[in-house]
Amino acid sequence: MVQAVIDISEHANRVLAVVKAKHGLNDKSQAIELMAMEYEEKVLEPALRPEYAEKLKKIRKGKFIRVKNFKEHFGL
Protein backbone atom coordinates (compact mmCIF):
# COMPACT_ATOMS: atom_id res chain seq x y z
CA MET A 1 0.00 0.00 0.00
CA VAL A 2 1.15 3.53 -0.77
CA GLN A 3 1.51 6.10 2.01
CA ALA A 4 1.07 9.82 1.40
CA VAL A 5 1.11 12.99 3.42
CA ILE A 6 -1.61 15.32 2.14
CA ASP A 7 -2.90 18.80 2.88
CA ILE A 8 -6.70 19.11 2.86
CA SER A 9 -9.12 21.83 3.86
CA GLU A 10 -11.08 21.75 7.11
CA HIS A 11 -14.23 21.07 5.09
CA ALA A 12 -12.65 18.06 3.33
CA ASN A 13 -11.48 16.80 6.72
CA ARG A 14 -15.03 17.02 8.08
CA VAL A 15 -16.39 15.20 5.03
CA LEU A 16 -13.86 12.41 5.57
CA ALA A 17 -14.88 12.18 9.22
CA VAL A 18 -18.56 11.87 8.23
CA VAL A 19 -17.80 9.17 5.63
CA LYS A 20 -15.67 7.32 8.20
CA ALA A 21 -18.44 7.43 10.82
CA LYS A 22 -21.29 6.65 8.42
CA HIS A 23 -19.61 3.51 7.10
CA GLY A 24 -18.02 2.42 10.38
CA LEU A 25 -14.47 2.62 9.02
CA ASN A 26 -11.35 2.43 11.17
CA ASP A 27 -9.55 5.48 9.81
CA LYS A 28 -9.69 8.27 7.26
CA SER A 29 -7.48 6.28 4.88
CA GLN A 30 -10.33 3.82 4.47
CA ALA A 31 -12.73 6.74 3.91
CA ILE A 32 -10.50 8.08 1.13
CA GLU A 33 -10.30 4.59 -0.41
CA LEU A 34 -14.11 4.27 -0.33
CA MET A 35 -14.58 7.71 -1.87
CA ALA A 36 -12.06 6.91 -4.63
CA MET A 37 -13.85 3.66 -5.49
CA GLU A 38 -17.25 5.39 -5.60
CA TYR A 39 -15.85 8.21 -7.74
CA GLU A 40 -14.36 5.73 -10.18
CA GLU A 41 -17.64 3.82 -10.34
CA LYS A 42 -19.89 6.83 -10.84
CA VAL A 43 -17.75 9.30 -12.75
CA LEU A 44 -14.80 7.72 -14.50
CA GLU A 45 -16.42 4.64 -16.00
CA PRO A 46 -20.15 5.30 -16.54
CA ALA A 47 -20.10 3.44 -19.87
CA LEU A 48 -19.46 0.19 -18.02
CA ARG A 49 -22.53 0.47 -15.80
CA PRO A 50 -25.51 -1.64 -16.97
CA GLU A 51 -27.96 1.25 -16.39
CA TYR A 52 -25.94 3.42 -18.75
CA ALA A 53 -25.95 0.74 -21.46
CA GLU A 54 -29.74 0.44 -21.18
CA LYS A 55 -30.12 4.21 -21.37
CA LEU A 56 -28.02 4.26 -24.55
CA LYS A 57 -30.19 1.54 -26.12
CA LYS A 58 -33.33 3.60 -25.45
CA ILE A 59 -31.72 6.72 -26.91
CA ARG A 60 -30.65 4.86 -30.06
CA LYS A 61 -34.20 3.61 -30.64
CA GLY A 62 -35.57 7.17 -30.56
CA LYS A 63 -36.65 9.22 -33.58
CA PHE A 64 -34.06 11.60 -34.95
CA ILE A 65 -33.90 14.13 -37.75
CA ARG A 66 -30.77 15.11 -39.61
CA VAL A 67 -29.90 18.79 -39.43
CA LYS A 68 -27.02 20.45 -41.24
CA ASN A 69 -27.43 23.87 -39.67
CA PHE A 70 -29.23 24.04 -36.35
CA LYS A 71 -29.95 27.77 -36.54
CA GLU A 72 -31.46 27.61 -40.04
CA HIS A 73 -33.52 24.51 -39.33
CA PHE A 74 -35.10 25.81 -36.14
CA GLY A 75 -35.27 29.45 -37.17
CA LEU A 76 -32.94 30.76 -34.50
PDB file of N, CA and C in Angstrom:
ATOM      1  N   MET A   1       0.840  -1.176   0.000  1.00  0.00           N
ATOM      2  CA  MET A   1       0.000   0.000   0.000  1.00  0.00           C
ATOM      3  C   MET A   1       0.887   1.243   0.000  1.00  0.00           C
ATOM      4  N   VAL A   2       0.411   2.281  -0.662  1.00  0.00           N
ATOM      5  CA  VAL A   2       1.149   3.530  -0.768  1.00  0.00           C
ATOM      6  C   VAL A   2       0.782   4.446   0.398  1.00  0.00           C
ATOM      7  N   GLN A   3       1.764   5.127   0.950  1.00  0.00           N
ATOM      8  CA  GLN A   3       1.512   6.102   2.006  1.00  0.00           C
ATOM      9  C   GLN A   3       1.749   7.484   1.441  1.00  0.00           C
ATOM     10  N   ALA A   4       0.927   8.452   1.882  1.00  0.00           N
ATOM     11  CA  ALA A   4       1.068   9.821   1.398  1.00  0.00           C
ATOM     12  C   ALA A   4       0.727  10.796   2.514  1.00  0.00           C
ATOM     13  N   VAL A   5       1.429  11.889   2.521  1.00  0.00           N
ATOM     14  CA  VAL A   5       1.106  12.991   3.420  1.00  0.00           C
ATOM     15  C   VAL A   5       0.395  14.018   2.560  1.00  0.00           C
ATOM     16  N   ILE A   6      -0.823  14.403   2.960  1.00  0.00           N
ATOM     17  CA  ILE A   6      -1.613  15.316   2.139  1.00  0.00           C
ATOM     18  C   ILE A   6      -2.077  16.511   2.964  1.00  0.00           C
ATOM     19  N   ASP A   7      -2.310  17.621   2.267  1.00  0.00           N
ATOM     20  CA  ASP A   7      -2.903  18.804   2.884  1.00  0.00           C
ATOM     21  C   ASP A   7      -4.323  18.917   2.351  1.00  0.00           C
ATOM     22  N   ILE A   8      -5.309  18.958   3.261  1.00  0.00           N
ATOM     23  CA  ILE A   8      -6.700  19.110   2.859  1.00  0.00           C
ATOM     24  C   ILE A   8      -7.334  20.222   3.675  1.00  0.00           C
ATOM     25  N   SER A   9      -8.415  20.758   3.167  1.00  0.00           N
ATOM     26  CA  SER A   9      -9.116  21.832   3.861  1.00  0.00           C
ATOM     27  C   SER A   9      -9.866  21.272   5.069  1.00  0.00           C
ATOM     28  N   GLU A  10     -10.289  22.160   5.953  1.00  0.00           N
ATOM     29  CA  GLU A  10     -11.081  21.754   7.113  1.00  0.00           C
ATOM     30  C   GLU A  10     -12.374  21.086   6.666  1.00  0.00           C
ATOM     31  N   HIS A  11     -12.972  21.635   5.612  1.00  0.00           N
ATOM     32  CA  HIS A  11     -14.227  21.066   5.091  1.00  0.00           C
ATOM     33  C   HIS A  11     -14.007  19.629   4.615  1.00  0.00           C
ATOM     34  N   ALA A  12     -12.954  19.413   3.826  1.00  0.00           N
ATOM     35  CA  ALA A  12     -12.655  18.064   3.334  1.00  0.00           C
ATOM     36  C   ALA A  12     -12.388  17.122   4.506  1.00  0.00           C
ATOM     37  N   ASN A  13     -11.740  17.602   5.527  1.00  0.00           N
ATOM     38  CA  ASN A  13     -11.478  16.799   6.718  1.00  0.00           C
ATOM     39  C   ASN A  13     -12.779  16.392   7.401  1.00  0.00           C
ATOM     40  N   ARG A  14     -13.730  17.333   7.479  1.00  0.00           N
ATOM     41  CA  ARG A  14     -15.031  17.024   8.081  1.00  0.00           C
ATOM     42  C   ARG A  14     -15.794  16.006   7.247  1.00  0.00           C
ATOM     43  N   VAL A  15     -15.721  16.158   5.926  1.00  0.00           N
ATOM     44  CA  VAL A  15     -16.393  15.204   5.034  1.00  0.00           C
ATOM     45  C   VAL A  15     -15.814  13.806   5.236  1.00  0.00           C
ATOM     46  N   LEU A  16     -14.498  13.703   5.316  1.00  0.00           N
ATOM     47  CA  LEU A  16     -13.864  12.408   5.567  1.00  0.00           C
ATOM     48  C   LEU A  16     -14.324  11.819   6.901  1.00  0.00           C
ATOM     49  N   ALA A  17     -14.438  12.656   7.912  1.00  0.00           N
ATOM     50  CA  ALA A  17     -14.884  12.179   9.221  1.00  0.00           C
ATOM     51  C   ALA A  17     -16.312  11.642   9.144  1.00  0.00           C
ATOM     52  N   VAL A  18     -17.169  12.310   8.387  1.00  0.00           N
ATOM     53  CA  VAL A  18     -18.560  11.868   8.234  1.00  0.00           C
ATOM     54  C   VAL A  18     -18.608  10.533   7.480  1.00  0.00           C
ATOM     55  N   VAL A  19     -17.842  10.426   6.405  1.00  0.00           N
ATOM     56  CA  VAL A  19     -17.797   9.175   5.635  1.00  0.00           C
ATOM     57  C   VAL A  19     -17.294   8.044   6.529  1.00  0.00           C
ATOM     58  N   LYS A  20     -16.258   8.319   7.284  1.00  0.00           N
ATOM     59  CA  LYS A  20     -15.671   7.324   8.196  1.00  0.00           C
ATOM     60  C   LYS A  20     -16.720   6.846   9.200  1.00  0.00           C
ATOM     61  N   ALA A  21     -17.437   7.782   9.818  1.00  0.00           N
ATOM     62  CA  ALA A  21     -18.439   7.432  10.824  1.00  0.00           C
ATOM     63  C   ALA A  21     -19.638   6.720  10.192  1.00  0.00           C
ATOM     64  N   LYS A  22     -20.103   7.217   9.069  1.00  0.00           N
ATOM     65  CA  LYS A  22     -21.293   6.653   8.416  1.00  0.00           C
ATOM     66  C   LYS A  22     -21.081   5.196   8.027  1.00  0.00           C
ATOM     67  N   HIS A  23     -19.886   4.863   7.577  1.00  0.00           N
ATOM     68  CA  HIS A  23     -19.615   3.512   7.100  1.00  0.00           C
ATOM     69  C   HIS A  23     -18.878   2.650   8.123  1.00  0.00           C
ATOM     70  N   GLY A  24     -18.661   3.183   9.317  1.00  0.00           N
ATOM     71  CA  GLY A  24     -18.015   2.423  10.378  1.00  0.00           C
ATOM     72  C   GLY A  24     -16.584   2.017  10.051  1.00  0.00           C
ATOM     73  N   LEU A  25     -15.850   2.919   9.423  1.00  0.00           N
ATOM     74  CA  LEU A  25     -14.474   2.625   9.023  1.00  0.00           C
ATOM     75  C   LEU A  25     -13.516   2.889  10.172  1.00  0.00           C
ATOM     76  N   ASN A  26     -12.331   2.294  10.088  1.00  0.00           N
ATOM     77  CA  ASN A  26     -11.347   2.427  11.171  1.00  0.00           C
ATOM     78  C   ASN A  26     -10.577   3.737  11.130  1.00  0.00           C
ATOM     79  N   ASP A  27     -10.318   4.242   9.922  1.00  0.00           N
ATOM     80  CA  ASP A  27      -9.550   5.484   9.811  1.00  0.00           C
ATOM     81  C   ASP A  27      -9.916   6.231   8.538  1.00  0.00           C
ATOM     82  N   LYS A  28      -9.371   7.422   8.413  1.00  0.00           N
ATOM     83  CA  LYS A  28      -9.692   8.270   7.259  1.00  0.00           C
ATOM     84  C   LYS A  28      -9.087   7.726   5.962  1.00  0.00           C
ATOM     85  N   SER A  29      -8.049   6.912   6.072  1.00  0.00           N
ATOM     86  CA  SER A  29      -7.485   6.283   4.882  1.00  0.00           C
ATOM     87  C   SER A  29      -8.524   5.390   4.211  1.00  0.00           C
ATOM     88  N   GLN A  30      -9.280   4.670   5.022  1.00  0.00           N
ATOM     89  CA  GLN A  30     -10.333   3.820   4.472  1.00  0.00           C
ATOM     90  C   GLN A  30     -11.447   4.672   3.864  1.00  0.00           C
ATOM     91  N   ALA A  31     -11.717   5.835   4.459  1.00  0.00           N
ATOM     92  CA  ALA A  31     -12.730   6.742   3.915  1.00  0.00           C
ATOM     93  C   ALA A  31     -12.295   7.265   2.545  1.00  0.00           C
ATOM     94  N   ILE A  32     -11.025   7.613   2.420  1.00  0.00           N
ATOM     95  CA  ILE A  32     -10.500   8.082   1.132  1.00  0.00           C
ATOM     96  C   ILE A  32     -10.589   6.967   0.096  1.00  0.00           C
ATOM     97  N   GLU A  33     -10.237   5.753   0.497  1.00  0.00           N
ATOM     98  CA  GLU A  33     -10.302   4.591  -0.405  1.00  0.00           C
ATOM     99  C   GLU A  33     -11.734   4.378  -0.894  1.00  0.00           C
ATOM    100  N   LEU A  34     -12.700   4.439   0.018  1.00  0.00           N
ATOM    101  CA  LEU A  34     -14.109   4.268  -0.331  1.00  0.00           C
ATOM    102  C   LEU A  34     -14.557   5.357  -1.305  1.00  0.00           C
ATOM    103  N   MET A  35     -14.190   6.606  -1.006  1.00  0.00           N
ATOM    104  CA  MET A  35     -14.576   7.713  -1.867  1.00  0.00           C
ATOM    105  C   MET A  35     -13.959   7.565  -3.266  1.00  0.00           C
ATOM    106  N   ALA A  36     -12.724   7.109  -3.338  1.00  0.00           N
ATOM    107  CA  ALA A  36     -12.061   6.914  -4.626  1.00  0.00           C
ATOM    108  C   ALA A  36     -12.760   5.826  -5.435  1.00  0.00           C
ATOM    109  N   MET A  37     -13.156   4.745  -4.788  1.00  0.00           N
ATOM    110  CA  MET A  37     -13.851   3.663  -5.491  1.00  0.00           C
ATOM    111  C   MET A  37     -15.208   4.137  -6.005  1.00  0.00           C
ATOM    112  N   GLU A  38     -15.942   4.889  -5.184  1.00  0.00           N
ATOM    113  CA  GLU A  38     -17.250   5.394  -5.603  1.00  0.00           C
ATOM    114  C   GLU A  38     -17.105   6.403  -6.741  1.00  0.00           C
ATOM    115  N   TYR A  39     -16.094   7.244  -6.674  1.00  0.00           N
ATOM    116  CA  TYR A  39     -15.847   8.215  -7.738  1.00  0.00           C
ATOM    117  C   TYR A  39     -15.546   7.491  -9.049  1.00  0.00           C
ATOM    118  N   GLU A  40     -14.707   6.492  -8.981  1.00  0.00           N
ATOM    119  CA  GLU A  40     -14.362   5.725 -10.181  1.00  0.00           C
ATOM    120  C   GLU A  40     -15.611   5.088 -10.779  1.00  0.00           C
ATOM    121  N   GLU A  41     -16.435   4.517  -9.912  1.00  0.00           N
ATOM    122  CA  GLU A  41     -17.636   3.819 -10.341  1.00  0.00           C
ATOM    123  C   GLU A  41     -18.652   4.765 -10.988  1.00  0.00           C
ATOM    124  N   LYS A  42     -18.831   5.927 -10.397  1.00  0.00           N
ATOM    125  CA  LYS A  42     -19.893   6.828 -10.842  1.00  0.00           C
ATOM    126  C   LYS A  42     -19.451   7.841 -11.876  1.00  0.00           C
ATOM    127  N   VAL A  43     -18.184   8.220 -11.877  1.00  0.00           N
ATOM    128  CA  VAL A  43     -17.745   9.304 -12.750  1.00  0.00           C
ATOM    129  C   VAL A  43     -16.816   8.829 -13.855  1.00  0.00           C
ATOM    130  N   LEU A  44     -15.816   8.071 -13.513  1.00  0.00           N
ATOM    131  CA  LEU A  44     -14.798   7.719 -14.497  1.00  0.00           C
ATOM    132  C   LEU A  44     -15.222   6.663 -15.495  1.00  0.00           C
ATOM    133  N   GLU A  45     -16.061   5.727 -15.102  1.00  0.00           N
ATOM    134  CA  GLU A  45     -16.425   4.643 -16.004  1.00  0.00           C
ATOM    135  C   GLU A  45     -17.932   4.443 -16.111  1.00  0.00           C
ATOM    136  N   PRO A  46     -18.691   5.487 -16.460  1.00  0.00           N
ATOM    137  CA  PRO A  46     -20.146   5.302 -16.541  1.00  0.00           C
ATOM    138  C   PRO A  46     -20.555   4.384 -17.690  1.00  0.00           C
ATOM    139  N   ALA A  47     -19.743   4.281 -18.731  1.00  0.00           N
ATOM    140  CA  ALA A  47     -20.096   3.444 -19.869  1.00  0.00           C
ATOM    141  C   ALA A  47     -20.129   1.970 -19.495  1.00  0.00           C
ATOM    142  N   LEU A  48     -19.487   1.588 -18.412  1.00  0.00           N
ATOM    143  CA  LEU A  48     -19.456   0.189 -18.019  1.00  0.00           C
ATOM    144  C   LEU A  48     -20.648  -0.208 -17.149  1.00  0.00           C
ATOM    145  N   ARG A  49     -21.386   0.773 -16.649  1.00  0.00           N
ATOM    146  CA  ARG A  49     -22.530   0.466 -15.801  1.00  0.00           C
ATOM    147  C   ARG A  49     -23.697  -0.046 -16.646  1.00  0.00           C
ATOM    148  N   PRO A  50     -24.380  -1.083 -16.212  1.00  0.00           N
ATOM    149  CA  PRO A  50     -25.506  -1.638 -16.970  1.00  0.00           C
ATOM    150  C   PRO A  50     -26.628  -0.625 -17.214  1.00  0.00           C
ATOM    151  N   GLU A  51     -26.893   0.248 -16.219  1.00  0.00           N
ATOM    152  CA  GLU A  51     -27.961   1.249 -16.386  1.00  0.00           C
ATOM    153  C   GLU A  51     -27.636   2.181 -17.554  1.00  0.00           C
ATOM    154  N   TYR A  52     -26.353   2.518 -17.692  1.00  0.00           N
ATOM    155  CA  TYR A  52     -25.935   3.419 -18.750  1.00  0.00           C
ATOM    156  C   TYR A  52     -26.104   2.749 -20.110  1.00  0.00           C
ATOM    157  N   ALA A  53     -25.784   1.475 -20.205  1.00  0.00           N
ATOM    158  CA  ALA A  53     -25.945   0.742 -21.461  1.00  0.00           C
ATOM    159  C   ALA A  53     -27.418   0.683 -21.858  1.00  0.00           C
ATOM    160  N   GLU A  54     -28.306   0.458 -20.895  1.00  0.00           N
ATOM    161  CA  GLU A  54     -29.740   0.439 -21.175  1.00  0.00           C
ATOM    162  C   GLU A  54     -30.231   1.813 -21.628  1.00  0.00           C
ATOM    163  N   LYS A  55     -29.735   2.845 -21.000  1.00  0.00           N
ATOM    164  CA  LYS A  55     -30.117   4.206 -21.374  1.00  0.00           C
ATOM    165  C   LYS A  55     -29.697   4.499 -22.813  1.00  0.00           C
ATOM    166  N   LEU A  56     -28.492   4.065 -23.182  1.00  0.00           N
ATOM    167  CA  LEU A  56     -28.022   4.259 -24.554  1.00  0.00           C
ATOM    168  C   LEU A  56     -28.888   3.519 -25.559  1.00  0.00           C
ATOM    169  N   LYS A  57     -29.315   2.308 -25.224  1.00  0.00           N
ATOM    170  CA  LYS A  57     -30.185   1.543 -26.123  1.00  0.00           C
ATOM    171  C   LYS A  57     -31.487   2.291 -26.374  1.00  0.00           C
ATOM    172  N   LYS A  58     -32.076   2.853 -25.315  1.00  0.00           N
ATOM    173  CA  LYS A  58     -33.329   3.596 -25.452  1.00  0.00           C
ATOM    174  C   LYS A  58     -33.129   4.840 -26.309  1.00  0.00           C
ATOM    175  N   ILE A  59     -32.008   5.520 -26.117  1.00  0.00           N
ATOM    176  CA  ILE A  59     -31.723   6.719 -26.906  1.00  0.00           C
ATOM    177  C   ILE A  59     -31.576   6.363 -28.375  1.00  0.00           C
ATOM    178  N   ARG A  60     -30.877   5.279 -28.670  1.00  0.00           N
ATOM    179  CA  ARG A  60     -30.646   4.863 -30.061  1.00  0.00           C
ATOM    180  C   ARG A  60     -31.918   4.467 -30.764  1.00  0.00           C
ATOM    181  N   LYS A  61     -32.932   4.012 -30.029  1.00  0.00           N
ATOM    182  CA  LYS A  61     -34.203   3.614 -30.637  1.00  0.00           C
ATOM    183  C   LYS A  61     -35.097   4.820 -30.934  1.00  0.00           C
ATOM    184  N   GLY A  62     -34.748   5.975 -30.402  1.00  0.00           N
ATOM    185  CA  GLY A  62     -35.573   7.170 -30.563  1.00  0.00           C
ATOM    186  C   GLY A  62     -35.612   7.680 -31.993  1.00  0.00           C
ATOM    187  N   LYS A  63     -36.519   8.619 -32.255  1.00  0.00           N
ATOM    188  CA  LYS A  63     -36.645   9.219 -33.578  1.00  0.00           C
ATOM    189  C   LYS A  63     -35.743  10.436 -33.667  1.00  0.00           C
ATOM    190  N   PHE A  64     -35.000  10.508 -34.756  1.00  0.00           N
ATOM    191  CA  PHE A  64     -34.062  11.599 -34.955  1.00  0.00           C
ATOM    192  C   PHE A  64     -34.269  12.219 -36.324  1.00  0.00           C
ATOM    193  N   ILE A  65     -33.911  13.472 -36.452  1.00  0.00           N
ATOM    194  CA  ILE A  65     -33.901  14.128 -37.754  1.00  0.00           C
ATOM    195  C   ILE A  65     -32.493  14.631 -38.015  1.00  0.00           C
ATOM    196  N   ARG A  66     -32.094  14.615 -39.256  1.00  0.00           N
ATOM    197  CA  ARG A  66     -30.766  15.107 -39.607  1.00  0.00           C
ATOM    198  C   ARG A  66     -30.851  16.606 -39.866  1.00  0.00           C
ATOM    199  N   VAL A  67     -29.933  17.341 -39.297  1.00  0.00           N
ATOM    200  CA  VAL A  67     -29.902  18.788 -39.432  1.00  0.00           C
ATOM    201  C   VAL A  67     -28.478  19.198 -39.781  1.00  0.00           C
ATOM    202  N   LYS A  68     -28.348  19.965 -40.869  1.00  0.00           N
ATOM    203  CA  LYS A  68     -27.020  20.446 -41.243  1.00  0.00           C
ATOM    204  C   LYS A  68     -26.680  21.724 -40.490  1.00  0.00           C
ATOM    205  N   ASN A  69     -27.666  22.601 -40.361  1.00  0.00           N
ATOM    206  CA  ASN A  69     -27.432  23.866 -39.672  1.00  0.00           C
ATOM    207  C   ASN A  69     -28.571  24.064 -38.667  1.00  0.00           C
ATOM    208  N   PHE A  70     -28.248  23.959 -37.411  1.00  0.00           N
ATOM    209  CA  PHE A  70     -29.231  24.035 -36.346  1.00  0.00           C
ATOM    210  C   PHE A  70     -30.002  25.351 -36.378  1.00  0.00           C
ATOM    211  N   LYS A  71     -29.301  26.459 -36.562  1.00  0.00           N
ATOM    212  CA  LYS A  71     -29.952  27.774 -36.539  1.00  0.00           C
ATOM    213  C   LYS A  71     -30.936  27.932 -37.686  1.00  0.00           C
ATOM    214  N   GLU A  72     -30.564  27.495 -38.877  1.00  0.00           N
ATOM    215  CA  GLU A  72     -31.458  27.612 -40.044  1.00  0.00           C
ATOM    216  C   GLU A  72     -32.678  26.694 -39.890  1.00  0.00           C
ATOM    217  N   HIS A  73     -32.446  25.490 -39.425  1.00  0.00           N
ATOM    218  CA  HIS A  73     -33.523  24.512 -39.333  1.00  0.00           C
ATOM    219  C   HIS A  73     -34.568  24.920 -38.310  1.00  0.00           C
ATOM    220  N   PHE A  74     -34.168  25.455 -37.190  1.00  0.00           N
ATOM    221  CA  PHE A  74     -35.098  25.805 -36.144  1.00  0.00           C
ATOM    222  C   PHE A  74     -35.406  27.298 -36.095  1.00  0.00           C
ATOM    223  N   GLY A  75     -34.950  28.040 -37.074  1.00  0.00           N
ATOM    224  CA  GLY A  75     -35.267  29.454 -37.167  1.00  0.00           C
ATOM    225  C   GLY A  75     -34.712  30.301 -36.037  1.00  0.00           C
ATOM    226  N   LEU A  76     -33.539  29.992 -35.597  1.00  0.00           N
ATOM    227  CA  LEU A  76     -32.935  30.757 -34.496  1.00  0.00           C
ATOM    228  C   LEU A  76     -32.008  31.818 -35.023  1.00  0.00           C
TER     229      LEU A  76
END
